[in-house]
């Protein structure tokens, strides 16, 4: 099944109360999409559909970038583990010079393209042109030319959290601005982070344990 057809058939155009600037192709009922993806997983080895949900860390970072465009304006930005591309859209709208949305799931890359097209009319002139997508695994790389790294919800599994946070701290030590959003996931480090903002983010009951999650936007400091 073509990725574009799958996404359009399994999602609905959805508003986000915290980030009303954009509408996204998202799952409205988790179980049917998850089951459909599991069926595809059995046949093709697809990962779970993380790209289809408005994870609270990403919403908080997107809101922060829109409220503080000086963080990205005129700068080259990388949206790590970009998922649906919400942070990518926020950075482009806030005036980034270029935004690269990186995700190893090819369905996420297709979803980002669809969401970019969906929001074309709400973006500043030329904003869509600065967005590129990449399926490369960039963890551990130096990211030549990138000035800002943005990420949401990367600390939900221990191996990933440890590997990614070590890399992000290295990038911060090299002079990059590194910002993540997190609602207090189990594997979020307790040190090396500076709180920039906090948001009470509406959630989907099927993927979180509360109707709202208090979510912090953090700047990652050098190791």
N, C-alpha and C. Protein backbone atom coordinates (compact mmCIF):
# COMPACT_ATOMS: atom_id res chain seq x y z
N UNK A 1 0.85 -1.20 0.00
CA UNK A 1 0.00 0.00 0.00
C UNK A 1 0.88 1.25 0.00
N UNK A 2 0.59 2.20 -0.85
CA UNK A 2 1.37 3.43 -0.92
C UNK A 2 1.26 4.18 0.40
N UNK A 3 2.38 4.76 0.83
CA UNK A 3 2.38 5.46 2.11
C UNK A 3 1.39 6.62 2.12
N UNK A 4 1.34 7.36 1.05
CA UNK A 4 0.43 8.51 1.01
C UNK A 4 -1.02 8.06 1.16
N UNK A 5 -1.39 7.01 0.44
CA UNK A 5 -2.75 6.49 0.52
C UNK A 5 -3.07 5.99 1.92
N UNK A 6 -2.11 5.30 2.52
CA UNK A 6 -2.30 4.79 3.88
C UNK A 6 -2.55 5.93 4.87
N UNK A 7 -1.73 6.96 4.80
CA UNK A 7 -1.85 8.07 5.74
C UNK A 7 -3.17 8.80 5.56
N UNK A 8 -3.53 9.09 4.33
CA UNK A 8 -4.78 9.81 4.09
C UNK A 8 -5.99 8.98 4.49
N UNK A 9 -5.88 7.66 4.36
CA UNK A 9 -7.00 6.81 4.70
C UNK A 9 -7.14 6.52 6.18
N UNK A 10 -6.06 6.68 6.95
CA UNK A 10 -6.07 6.30 8.35
C UNK A 10 -6.02 7.49 9.31
N UNK A 11 -6.03 8.71 8.79
CA UNK A 11 -5.95 9.90 9.64
C UNK A 11 -7.06 10.88 9.25
N UNK A 12 -7.20 11.91 10.06
CA UNK A 12 -8.13 13.00 9.76
C UNK A 12 -7.41 14.33 9.99
N UNK A 13 -7.80 15.34 9.26
CA UNK A 13 -7.23 16.67 9.47
C UNK A 13 -7.71 17.19 10.82
N UNK A 14 -6.75 17.53 11.67
CA UNK A 14 -7.04 17.78 13.08
C UNK A 14 -6.45 19.10 13.54
N UNK A 15 -7.19 19.82 14.39
CA UNK A 15 -6.69 21.04 15.02
C UNK A 15 -6.01 20.70 16.34
N UNK A 16 -5.01 21.49 16.71
CA UNK A 16 -4.33 21.35 18.00
C UNK A 16 -4.57 22.60 18.82
N UNK A 17 -5.22 22.49 19.98
CA UNK A 17 -5.53 23.68 20.77
C UNK A 17 -4.29 24.50 21.16
N UNK A 18 -3.18 23.83 21.46
CA UNK A 18 -1.99 24.56 21.88
C UNK A 18 -1.29 25.25 20.71
N UNK A 19 -1.45 24.70 19.51
CA UNK A 19 -0.77 25.24 18.33
C UNK A 19 -1.82 25.42 17.22
N UNK A 20 -2.72 26.38 17.38
CA UNK A 20 -3.82 26.52 16.42
C UNK A 20 -3.37 27.05 15.06
N UNK A 21 -2.12 27.44 14.94
CA UNK A 21 -1.62 27.94 13.66
C UNK A 21 -1.65 26.87 12.57
N UNK A 22 -1.64 25.58 12.98
CA UNK A 22 -1.53 24.50 12.01
C UNK A 22 -2.64 23.48 12.17
N UNK A 23 -2.93 22.77 11.07
CA UNK A 23 -3.79 21.59 11.07
C UNK A 23 -2.95 20.44 10.53
N UNK A 24 -3.17 19.25 11.07
CA UNK A 24 -2.30 18.12 10.73
C UNK A 24 -3.12 16.87 10.44
N UNK A 25 -2.55 16.01 9.61
CA UNK A 25 -3.11 14.68 9.39
C UNK A 25 -2.70 13.80 10.58
N UNK A 26 -3.66 13.51 11.47
CA UNK A 26 -3.36 12.78 12.69
C UNK A 26 -4.39 11.69 12.94
N UNK A 27 -4.01 10.73 13.77
CA UNK A 27 -4.95 9.70 14.19
C UNK A 27 -5.95 10.32 15.16
N UNK A 28 -7.21 10.01 14.95
CA UNK A 28 -8.23 10.48 15.87
C UNK A 28 -8.69 9.38 16.81
N UNK A 29 -8.49 8.15 16.42
CA UNK A 29 -8.77 7.00 17.29
C UNK A 29 -7.55 6.10 17.18
N UNK A 30 -6.84 5.93 18.27
CA UNK A 30 -5.53 5.29 18.23
C UNK A 30 -5.61 3.84 17.76
N UNK A 31 -6.51 3.07 18.34
CA UNK A 31 -6.49 1.63 18.11
C UNK A 31 -6.62 1.25 16.64
N UNK A 32 -7.56 1.81 15.86
CA UNK A 32 -7.66 1.39 14.46
C UNK A 32 -6.38 1.63 13.67
N UNK A 33 -5.74 2.81 13.85
CA UNK A 33 -4.52 3.08 13.12
C UNK A 33 -3.40 2.17 13.58
N UNK A 34 -3.30 1.97 14.90
CA UNK A 34 -2.24 1.11 15.41
C UNK A 34 -2.40 -0.31 14.86
N UNK A 35 -3.65 -0.79 14.82
CA UNK A 35 -3.89 -2.13 14.30
C UNK A 35 -3.57 -2.20 12.81
N UNK A 36 -3.97 -1.16 12.07
CA UNK A 36 -3.68 -1.14 10.64
C UNK A 36 -2.19 -1.16 10.40
N UNK A 37 -1.44 -0.44 11.23
CA UNK A 37 0.00 -0.41 11.08
C UNK A 37 0.62 -1.74 11.50
N UNK A 38 0.07 -2.36 12.54
CA UNK A 38 0.56 -3.67 12.94
C UNK A 38 0.35 -4.68 11.81
N UNK A 39 -0.78 -4.58 11.12
CA UNK A 39 -1.01 -5.47 9.99
C UNK A 39 0.04 -5.25 8.91
N UNK A 40 0.35 -3.96 8.65
CA UNK A 40 1.39 -3.66 7.68
C UNK A 40 2.76 -4.08 8.20
N UNK A 41 2.96 -3.93 9.51
CA UNK A 41 4.23 -4.31 10.13
C UNK A 41 4.53 -5.78 9.88
N UNK A 42 3.49 -6.59 9.98
CA UNK A 42 3.68 -8.03 9.77
C UNK A 42 4.16 -8.31 8.35
N UNK A 43 3.72 -7.46 7.42
CA UNK A 43 4.07 -7.70 6.03
C UNK A 43 5.35 -6.99 5.60
N UNK A 44 5.58 -5.79 6.15
CA UNK A 44 6.65 -4.97 5.59
C UNK A 44 7.69 -4.49 6.60
N UNK A 45 7.53 -4.76 7.86
CA UNK A 45 8.50 -4.34 8.86
C UNK A 45 8.41 -2.88 9.24
N UNK A 46 7.23 -2.30 9.17
CA UNK A 46 7.06 -0.89 9.53
C UNK A 46 7.13 -0.70 11.04
N UNK A 47 7.69 0.43 11.51
CA UNK A 47 7.64 0.73 12.94
C UNK A 47 6.25 1.22 13.33
N UNK A 48 5.96 1.30 14.64
CA UNK A 48 4.67 1.85 15.08
C UNK A 48 4.47 3.27 14.55
N UNK A 49 3.23 3.71 14.42
CA UNK A 49 2.94 5.00 13.77
C UNK A 49 3.11 6.20 14.70
N UNK A 50 4.30 6.42 15.20
CA UNK A 50 4.53 7.56 16.08
C UNK A 50 4.24 8.88 15.38
N UNK A 51 4.37 8.89 14.06
CA UNK A 51 4.16 10.10 13.27
C UNK A 51 2.70 10.58 13.30
N UNK A 52 1.78 9.74 13.74
CA UNK A 52 0.36 10.06 13.62
C UNK A 52 -0.24 10.68 14.86
N UNK A 53 0.58 10.93 15.89
CA UNK A 53 0.05 11.43 17.16
C UNK A 53 0.72 12.75 17.54
N UNK A 54 -0.03 13.65 18.17
CA UNK A 54 0.52 14.95 18.56
C UNK A 54 1.22 14.85 19.93
N UNK A 55 2.38 14.29 19.98
CA UNK A 55 3.09 14.08 21.24
C UNK A 55 3.33 15.42 21.95
N UNK A 56 3.17 15.41 23.24
CA UNK A 56 3.13 16.67 23.98
C UNK A 56 4.45 17.42 23.95
N UNK A 57 5.57 16.70 23.94
CA UNK A 57 6.85 17.39 23.87
C UNK A 57 7.01 18.19 22.60
N UNK A 58 6.58 17.61 21.49
CA UNK A 58 6.65 18.33 20.22
C UNK A 58 5.72 19.52 20.18
N UNK A 59 4.53 19.39 20.75
CA UNK A 59 3.61 20.53 20.80
C UNK A 59 4.22 21.68 21.61
N UNK A 60 4.83 21.35 22.73
CA UNK A 60 5.41 22.39 23.58
C UNK A 60 6.56 23.11 22.88
N UNK A 61 7.42 22.35 22.19
CA UNK A 61 8.53 22.98 21.47
C UNK A 61 8.00 23.85 20.33
N UNK A 62 7.02 23.36 19.60
CA UNK A 62 6.45 24.15 18.51
C UNK A 62 5.87 25.46 19.03
N UNK A 63 5.12 25.40 20.14
CA UNK A 63 4.56 26.60 20.74
C UNK A 63 5.67 27.57 21.15
N UNK A 64 6.73 27.04 21.74
CA UNK A 64 7.83 27.89 22.20
C UNK A 64 8.53 28.58 21.03
N UNK A 65 8.73 27.85 19.96
CA UNK A 65 9.39 28.43 18.79
C UNK A 65 8.53 29.52 18.18
N UNK A 66 7.23 29.30 18.10
CA UNK A 66 6.34 30.32 17.55
C UNK A 66 6.28 31.56 18.46
N UNK A 67 6.37 31.34 19.76
CA UNK A 67 6.34 32.46 20.70
C UNK A 67 7.67 33.19 20.78
N UNK A 68 8.75 32.52 20.41
CA UNK A 68 10.10 33.09 20.48
C UNK A 68 10.83 32.86 19.16
N UNK A 69 10.38 33.50 18.09
CA UNK A 69 10.95 33.24 16.77
C UNK A 69 12.43 33.57 16.67
N UNK A 70 12.93 34.39 17.59
CA UNK A 70 14.36 34.74 17.54
C UNK A 70 15.26 33.52 17.74
N UNK A 71 14.72 32.44 18.28
CA UNK A 71 15.50 31.23 18.47
C UNK A 71 15.92 30.61 17.14
N UNK A 72 15.10 30.79 16.10
CA UNK A 72 15.37 30.12 14.83
C UNK A 72 15.46 31.08 13.65
N UNK A 73 15.02 32.31 13.80
CA UNK A 73 14.96 33.23 12.67
C UNK A 73 16.32 33.38 12.00
N UNK A 74 16.37 33.14 10.70
CA UNK A 74 17.60 33.27 9.94
C UNK A 74 18.62 32.17 10.17
N UNK A 75 18.25 31.12 10.87
CA UNK A 75 19.20 30.06 11.23
C UNK A 75 18.81 28.75 10.56
N UNK A 76 19.79 27.86 10.48
CA UNK A 76 19.58 26.52 9.91
C UNK A 76 19.18 25.57 11.04
N UNK A 77 18.03 24.94 10.88
CA UNK A 77 17.41 24.16 11.95
C UNK A 77 17.28 22.71 11.54
N UNK A 78 17.48 21.81 12.50
CA UNK A 78 17.19 20.39 12.31
C UNK A 78 16.14 19.97 13.30
N UNK A 79 15.05 19.39 12.80
CA UNK A 79 13.98 18.83 13.64
C UNK A 79 14.25 17.35 13.75
N UNK A 80 14.73 16.91 14.91
CA UNK A 80 15.13 15.51 15.11
C UNK A 80 13.94 14.66 15.51
N UNK A 81 13.85 13.45 14.91
CA UNK A 81 12.71 12.56 15.14
C UNK A 81 11.42 13.33 14.91
N UNK A 82 11.29 13.86 13.71
CA UNK A 82 10.31 14.90 13.41
C UNK A 82 8.86 14.43 13.44
N UNK A 83 8.61 13.14 13.27
CA UNK A 83 7.24 12.64 13.36
C UNK A 83 6.32 13.26 12.34
N UNK A 84 5.29 13.96 12.80
CA UNK A 84 4.32 14.57 11.90
C UNK A 84 4.83 15.87 11.29
N UNK A 85 5.94 16.41 11.80
CA UNK A 85 6.50 17.64 11.25
C UNK A 85 6.01 18.92 11.88
N UNK A 86 5.35 18.83 13.04
CA UNK A 86 4.82 20.04 13.68
C UNK A 86 5.93 21.03 14.01
N UNK A 87 7.02 20.55 14.60
CA UNK A 87 8.12 21.45 14.94
C UNK A 87 8.74 22.04 13.68
N UNK A 88 8.85 21.24 12.65
CA UNK A 88 9.37 21.73 11.37
C UNK A 88 8.53 22.90 10.86
N UNK A 89 7.22 22.75 10.88
CA UNK A 89 6.34 23.81 10.42
C UNK A 89 6.48 25.06 11.28
N UNK A 90 6.60 24.86 12.59
CA UNK A 90 6.75 26.01 13.48
C UNK A 90 8.04 26.77 13.19
N UNK A 91 9.13 26.04 12.98
CA UNK A 91 10.41 26.69 12.70
C UNK A 91 10.36 27.45 11.38
N UNK A 92 9.73 26.86 10.38
CA UNK A 92 9.62 27.54 9.09
C UNK A 92 8.77 28.80 9.22
N UNK A 93 7.67 28.71 9.93
CA UNK A 93 6.79 29.88 10.12
C UNK A 93 7.50 30.97 10.92
N UNK A 94 8.39 30.57 11.84
CA UNK A 94 9.09 31.53 12.68
C UNK A 94 10.28 32.17 11.99
N UNK A 95 10.53 31.80 10.74
CA UNK A 95 11.55 32.50 9.98
C UNK A 95 12.90 31.82 9.87
N UNK A 96 12.94 30.50 10.11
CA UNK A 96 14.21 29.79 9.95
C UNK A 96 14.71 29.93 8.52
N UNK A 97 16.02 29.95 8.37
CA UNK A 97 16.62 30.03 7.03
C UNK A 97 16.42 28.74 6.26
N UNK A 98 16.52 27.61 6.97
CA UNK A 98 16.31 26.29 6.38
C UNK A 98 15.94 25.34 7.50
N UNK A 99 15.07 24.38 7.22
CA UNK A 99 14.67 23.39 8.21
C UNK A 99 14.79 22.00 7.58
N UNK A 100 15.52 21.12 8.23
CA UNK A 100 15.59 19.73 7.81
C UNK A 100 14.85 18.88 8.82
N UNK A 101 13.81 18.18 8.36
CA UNK A 101 13.04 17.28 9.20
C UNK A 101 13.63 15.89 9.06
N UNK A 102 14.12 15.34 10.16
CA UNK A 102 14.79 14.04 10.12
C UNK A 102 13.97 13.01 10.88
N UNK A 103 13.70 11.90 10.23
CA UNK A 103 13.02 10.78 10.89
C UNK A 103 13.36 9.51 10.12
N UNK A 104 13.67 8.44 10.84
CA UNK A 104 14.05 7.20 10.16
C UNK A 104 12.85 6.42 9.64
N UNK A 105 11.64 6.82 9.99
CA UNK A 105 10.43 6.16 9.52
C UNK A 105 9.99 6.81 8.21
N UNK A 106 9.97 6.08 7.10
CA UNK A 106 9.57 6.69 5.83
C UNK A 106 8.13 7.19 5.83
N UNK A 107 7.26 6.59 6.66
CA UNK A 107 5.90 7.09 6.77
C UNK A 107 5.89 8.49 7.35
N UNK A 108 6.77 8.76 8.31
CA UNK A 108 6.87 10.10 8.88
C UNK A 108 7.26 11.12 7.81
N UNK A 109 8.19 10.76 6.95
CA UNK A 109 8.62 11.69 5.92
C UNK A 109 7.47 12.02 4.96
N UNK A 110 6.68 11.00 4.64
CA UNK A 110 5.51 11.25 3.79
C UNK A 110 4.49 12.13 4.52
N UNK A 111 4.27 11.85 5.80
CA UNK A 111 3.34 12.65 6.58
C UNK A 111 3.79 14.10 6.67
N UNK A 112 5.08 14.33 6.82
CA UNK A 112 5.59 15.70 6.88
C UNK A 112 5.30 16.43 5.57
N UNK A 113 5.49 15.74 4.45
CA UNK A 113 5.18 16.35 3.16
C UNK A 113 3.71 16.71 3.04
N UNK A 114 2.84 15.80 3.47
CA UNK A 114 1.40 16.06 3.43
C UNK A 114 1.02 17.22 4.34
N UNK A 115 1.61 17.26 5.53
CA UNK A 115 1.28 18.34 6.48
C UNK A 115 1.83 19.68 6.02
N UNK A 116 2.96 19.66 5.36
CA UNK A 116 3.50 20.90 4.80
C UNK A 116 2.57 21.45 3.73
N UNK A 117 2.11 20.58 2.85
CA UNK A 117 1.18 21.00 1.80
C UNK A 117 -0.14 21.49 2.40
N UNK A 118 -0.62 20.78 3.41
CA UNK A 118 -1.88 21.15 4.06
C UNK A 118 -1.83 22.55 4.63
N UNK A 119 -0.67 22.96 5.11
CA UNK A 119 -0.54 24.26 5.79
C UNK A 119 0.09 25.34 4.92
N UNK A 120 0.16 25.09 3.64
CA UNK A 120 0.82 26.05 2.74
C UNK A 120 0.22 27.44 2.85
N UNK A 121 -1.09 27.52 2.90
CA UNK A 121 -1.74 28.84 2.88
C UNK A 121 -1.56 29.61 4.20
N UNK A 122 -1.20 28.91 5.27
CA UNK A 122 -1.02 29.59 6.56
C UNK A 122 0.43 29.94 6.85
N UNK A 123 1.32 29.64 5.89
CA UNK A 123 2.74 29.89 6.09
C UNK A 123 3.16 31.17 5.38
N UNK A 124 4.21 31.84 5.86
CA UNK A 124 4.72 33.01 5.14
C UNK A 124 5.18 32.62 3.74
N UNK A 125 5.20 33.57 2.86
CA UNK A 125 5.62 33.31 1.48
C UNK A 125 7.02 32.71 1.46
N UNK A 126 7.17 31.61 0.76
CA UNK A 126 8.47 30.97 0.63
C UNK A 126 8.83 30.02 1.74
N UNK A 127 8.01 29.94 2.79
CA UNK A 127 8.37 29.09 3.93
C UNK A 127 8.45 27.62 3.55
N UNK A 128 7.54 27.17 2.70
CA UNK A 128 7.52 25.76 2.31
C UNK A 128 8.81 25.37 1.60
N UNK A 129 9.38 26.31 0.85
CA UNK A 129 10.56 26.00 0.05
C UNK A 129 11.79 25.70 0.90
N UNK A 130 11.81 26.15 2.15
CA UNK A 130 13.00 25.95 2.97
C UNK A 130 12.99 24.60 3.68
N UNK A 131 11.89 23.84 3.57
CA UNK A 131 11.76 22.57 4.30
C UNK A 131 12.26 21.42 3.44
N UNK A 132 13.15 20.61 4.00
CA UNK A 132 13.58 19.37 3.38
C UNK A 132 13.40 18.24 4.38
N UNK A 133 13.32 17.01 3.88
CA UNK A 133 13.16 15.86 4.76
C UNK A 133 14.31 14.89 4.52
N UNK A 134 14.65 14.13 5.57
CA UNK A 134 15.74 13.16 5.47
C UNK A 134 15.43 11.96 6.33
N UNK A 135 15.69 10.76 5.80
CA UNK A 135 15.51 9.54 6.55
C UNK A 135 16.80 9.00 7.14
N UNK A 136 17.85 9.80 7.15
CA UNK A 136 19.13 9.35 7.68
C UNK A 136 19.11 9.25 9.21
N UNK A 137 19.87 8.32 9.73
CA UNK A 137 20.10 8.23 11.17
C UNK A 137 21.25 9.16 11.50
N UNK A 138 20.95 10.31 12.09
CA UNK A 138 21.97 11.34 12.31
C UNK A 138 22.58 11.29 13.71
N UNK A 139 22.08 10.41 14.59
CA UNK A 139 22.60 10.35 15.96
C UNK A 139 24.09 10.04 15.93
N UNK A 140 24.86 10.87 16.62
CA UNK A 140 26.30 10.72 16.66
C UNK A 140 27.04 11.58 15.64
N UNK A 141 26.33 12.18 14.72
CA UNK A 141 26.97 13.00 13.69
C UNK A 141 27.15 14.44 14.18
N UNK A 142 28.05 15.16 13.52
CA UNK A 142 28.38 16.52 13.94
C UNK A 142 27.43 17.57 13.39
N UNK A 143 26.69 17.27 12.32
CA UNK A 143 25.67 18.17 11.75
C UNK A 143 26.27 19.49 11.26
N UNK A 144 27.21 19.38 10.36
CA UNK A 144 27.84 20.57 9.79
C UNK A 144 26.79 21.48 9.18
N UNK A 145 26.85 22.75 9.51
CA UNK A 145 25.95 23.75 8.95
C UNK A 145 24.69 23.96 9.76
N UNK A 146 24.35 23.03 10.65
CA UNK A 146 23.16 23.19 11.48
C UNK A 146 23.47 24.08 12.68
N UNK A 147 22.56 25.00 13.00
CA UNK A 147 22.76 25.91 14.12
C UNK A 147 21.82 25.63 15.30
N UNK A 148 20.66 25.05 15.00
CA UNK A 148 19.67 24.79 16.04
C UNK A 148 19.12 23.37 15.85
N UNK A 149 19.04 22.61 16.94
CA UNK A 149 18.40 21.29 16.92
C UNK A 149 17.19 21.34 17.84
N UNK A 150 16.04 20.92 17.31
CA UNK A 150 14.80 20.89 18.07
C UNK A 150 14.29 19.45 18.12
N UNK A 151 13.74 19.05 19.27
CA UNK A 151 13.22 17.69 19.39
C UNK A 151 12.16 17.64 20.47
N UNK A 152 11.20 16.75 20.29
CA UNK A 152 10.18 16.53 21.31
C UNK A 152 10.07 15.07 21.66
N UNK A 153 9.93 14.77 22.96
CA UNK A 153 9.66 13.41 23.41
C UNK A 153 10.68 12.39 22.90
N UNK A 154 11.93 12.55 23.28
CA UNK A 154 12.95 11.58 22.87
C UNK A 154 13.45 10.75 24.05
N UNK A 155 12.80 10.86 25.20
CA UNK A 155 13.30 10.17 26.40
C UNK A 155 12.32 9.13 26.93
N UNK A 156 11.58 8.48 26.04
CA UNK A 156 10.57 7.52 26.49
C UNK A 156 11.11 6.10 26.59
N UNK A 157 12.31 5.83 26.05
CA UNK A 157 12.95 4.53 26.18
C UNK A 157 14.39 4.73 26.61
N UNK A 158 14.87 3.88 27.53
CA UNK A 158 16.20 4.10 28.09
C UNK A 158 17.31 4.11 27.05
N UNK A 159 17.45 3.09 26.18
CA UNK A 159 18.58 3.11 25.24
C UNK A 159 18.58 4.34 24.35
N UNK A 160 17.39 4.69 23.83
CA UNK A 160 17.32 5.87 22.97
C UNK A 160 17.65 7.13 23.74
N UNK A 161 17.07 7.28 24.93
CA UNK A 161 17.32 8.48 25.73
C UNK A 161 18.80 8.66 26.03
N UNK A 162 19.46 7.60 26.43
CA UNK A 162 20.88 7.70 26.77
C UNK A 162 21.71 8.07 25.56
N UNK A 163 21.46 7.40 24.44
CA UNK A 163 22.23 7.66 23.23
C UNK A 163 21.97 9.07 22.69
N UNK A 164 20.70 9.43 22.60
CA UNK A 164 20.34 10.73 22.02
C UNK A 164 20.80 11.88 22.90
N UNK A 165 20.60 11.77 24.21
CA UNK A 165 20.99 12.87 25.08
C UNK A 165 22.51 13.06 25.11
N UNK A 166 23.25 11.97 25.05
CA UNK A 166 24.71 12.10 24.97
C UNK A 166 25.12 12.86 23.71
N UNK A 167 24.48 12.53 22.61
CA UNK A 167 24.75 13.21 21.33
C UNK A 167 24.33 14.68 21.38
N UNK A 168 23.14 14.96 21.92
CA UNK A 168 22.67 16.34 21.99
C UNK A 168 23.58 17.20 22.85
N UNK A 169 24.09 16.64 23.93
CA UNK A 169 25.02 17.40 24.77
C UNK A 169 26.32 17.69 24.04
N UNK A 170 26.75 16.75 23.23
CA UNK A 170 27.95 16.98 22.42
C UNK A 170 27.71 18.12 21.43
N UNK A 171 26.53 18.12 20.81
CA UNK A 171 26.20 19.20 19.89
C UNK A 171 26.15 20.55 20.60
N UNK A 172 25.56 20.57 21.80
CA UNK A 172 25.52 21.80 22.58
C UNK A 172 26.94 22.29 22.89
N UNK A 173 27.83 21.34 23.18
CA UNK A 173 29.22 21.70 23.45
C UNK A 173 29.93 22.26 22.24
N UNK A 174 29.44 21.91 21.05
CA UNK A 174 30.02 22.43 19.81
C UNK A 174 29.43 23.77 19.41
N UNK A 175 28.52 24.30 20.24
CA UNK A 175 27.98 25.62 20.00
C UNK A 175 26.58 25.67 19.40
N UNK A 176 25.96 24.51 19.17
CA UNK A 176 24.61 24.51 18.65
C UNK A 176 23.60 24.81 19.76
N UNK A 177 22.50 25.45 19.41
CA UNK A 177 21.38 25.60 20.32
C UNK A 177 20.54 24.34 20.23
N UNK A 178 20.34 23.67 21.36
CA UNK A 178 19.62 22.40 21.37
C UNK A 178 18.44 22.52 22.34
N UNK A 179 17.23 22.30 21.84
CA UNK A 179 16.02 22.46 22.63
C UNK A 179 15.16 21.21 22.50
N UNK A 180 14.69 20.71 23.63
CA UNK A 180 13.81 19.54 23.63
C UNK A 180 12.57 19.84 24.46
N UNK A 181 11.50 19.09 24.19
CA UNK A 181 10.29 19.17 25.00
C UNK A 181 10.04 17.84 25.67
N UNK A 182 9.65 17.86 26.94
CA UNK A 182 9.44 16.61 27.66
C UNK A 182 8.46 16.80 28.81
N UNK A 183 7.50 15.87 28.98
CA UNK A 183 6.52 15.97 30.06
C UNK A 183 6.92 15.22 31.32
N UNK A 184 8.22 14.96 31.49
CA UNK A 184 8.67 14.21 32.65
C UNK A 184 8.74 12.73 32.39
N UNK A 185 9.17 12.33 31.19
CA UNK A 185 9.34 10.92 30.88
C UNK A 185 10.37 10.29 31.82
N UNK A 186 10.27 9.00 31.97
CA UNK A 186 11.09 8.29 32.97
C UNK A 186 12.58 8.47 32.76
N UNK A 187 13.01 8.60 31.51
CA UNK A 187 14.44 8.59 31.24
C UNK A 187 14.99 9.97 30.90
N UNK A 188 14.23 11.01 31.18
CA UNK A 188 14.76 12.36 31.03
C UNK A 188 15.85 12.58 32.06
N UNK A 189 17.04 13.04 31.65
CA UNK A 189 18.11 13.30 32.63
C UNK A 189 17.69 14.35 33.65
N UNK A 190 18.24 14.26 34.83
CA UNK A 190 17.91 15.20 35.90
C UNK A 190 18.89 16.37 35.97
N UNK A 191 19.94 16.31 35.18
CA UNK A 191 20.93 17.39 35.17
C UNK A 191 21.25 17.75 33.72
N UNK A 192 21.92 18.89 33.54
CA UNK A 192 22.35 19.30 32.21
C UNK A 192 21.26 19.90 31.36
N UNK A 193 20.17 20.34 32.00
CA UNK A 193 19.05 20.94 31.29
C UNK A 193 18.65 22.24 31.96
N UNK A 194 18.27 23.23 31.14
CA UNK A 194 17.77 24.50 31.66
C UNK A 194 16.35 24.71 31.17
N UNK A 195 15.42 24.91 32.09
CA UNK A 195 14.02 25.09 31.73
C UNK A 195 13.81 26.45 31.08
N UNK A 196 13.14 26.45 29.92
CA UNK A 196 12.83 27.68 29.21
C UNK A 196 11.36 28.07 29.32
N UNK A 197 10.48 27.08 29.36
CA UNK A 197 9.05 27.36 29.43
C UNK A 197 8.32 26.10 29.86
N UNK A 198 7.10 26.28 30.34
CA UNK A 198 6.24 25.15 30.69
C UNK A 198 4.85 25.38 30.10
N UNK A 199 4.26 24.30 29.61
CA UNK A 199 2.93 24.38 29.01
C UNK A 199 2.08 23.23 29.52
N UNK A 200 0.80 23.48 29.68
CA UNK A 200 -0.15 22.43 29.99
C UNK A 200 -0.75 22.01 28.65
N UNK A 201 -0.39 20.80 28.20
CA UNK A 201 -0.69 20.38 26.84
C UNK A 201 -1.85 19.38 26.82
N UNK A 202 -2.91 19.64 26.05
CA UNK A 202 -3.98 18.65 25.90
C UNK A 202 -3.43 17.38 25.24
N UNK A 203 -3.95 16.23 25.65
CA UNK A 203 -3.44 14.96 25.14
C UNK A 203 -4.57 14.11 24.59
N UNK A 204 -4.18 13.00 23.97
CA UNK A 204 -5.11 11.94 23.62
C UNK A 204 -5.09 10.92 24.75
N UNK A 205 -6.25 10.61 25.29
CA UNK A 205 -6.32 9.72 26.45
C UNK A 205 -5.72 8.35 26.17
N UNK A 206 -5.77 7.91 24.91
CA UNK A 206 -5.27 6.57 24.60
C UNK A 206 -3.75 6.47 24.59
N UNK A 207 -3.05 7.61 24.51
CA UNK A 207 -1.59 7.52 24.47
C UNK A 207 -0.92 8.19 25.67
N UNK A 208 -1.68 8.85 26.51
CA UNK A 208 -1.13 9.44 27.73
C UNK A 208 -1.99 9.03 28.92
N UNK A 209 -1.51 9.27 30.13
CA UNK A 209 -2.22 8.85 31.33
C UNK A 209 -3.03 9.97 31.98
N UNK A 210 -3.16 11.10 31.26
CA UNK A 210 -3.93 12.22 31.79
C UNK A 210 -4.46 13.04 30.62
N UNK A 211 -5.53 13.81 30.90
CA UNK A 211 -6.12 14.63 29.85
C UNK A 211 -5.20 15.77 29.43
N UNK A 212 -4.41 16.27 30.38
CA UNK A 212 -3.41 17.31 30.11
C UNK A 212 -2.09 16.86 30.72
N UNK A 213 -1.00 17.25 30.08
CA UNK A 213 0.33 16.94 30.60
C UNK A 213 1.13 18.23 30.74
N UNK A 214 1.62 18.49 31.95
CA UNK A 214 2.53 19.61 32.15
C UNK A 214 3.85 19.28 31.49
N UNK A 215 4.22 20.07 30.52
CA UNK A 215 5.36 19.76 29.65
C UNK A 215 6.35 20.92 29.67
N UNK A 216 7.62 20.58 29.82
CA UNK A 216 8.67 21.60 29.92
C UNK A 216 9.48 21.64 28.63
N UNK A 217 9.80 22.85 28.21
CA UNK A 217 10.75 23.07 27.10
C UNK A 217 12.10 23.32 27.75
N UNK A 218 13.07 22.49 27.37
CA UNK A 218 14.41 22.54 27.98
C UNK A 218 15.46 22.93 26.95
N UNK A 219 16.46 23.69 27.39
CA UNK A 219 17.68 23.86 26.62
C UNK A 219 18.69 22.85 27.12
N UNK A 220 19.26 22.07 26.22
CA UNK A 220 20.26 21.08 26.59
C UNK A 220 21.61 21.77 26.70
N UNK A 221 22.28 21.54 27.82
CA UNK A 221 23.58 22.16 28.05
C UNK A 221 24.70 21.19 27.69
N UNK A 222 25.89 21.74 27.46
CA UNK A 222 27.03 20.91 27.11
C UNK A 222 27.37 19.96 28.25
N UNK A 223 27.95 18.83 27.88
CA UNK A 223 28.35 17.84 28.89
C UNK A 223 29.39 18.46 29.81
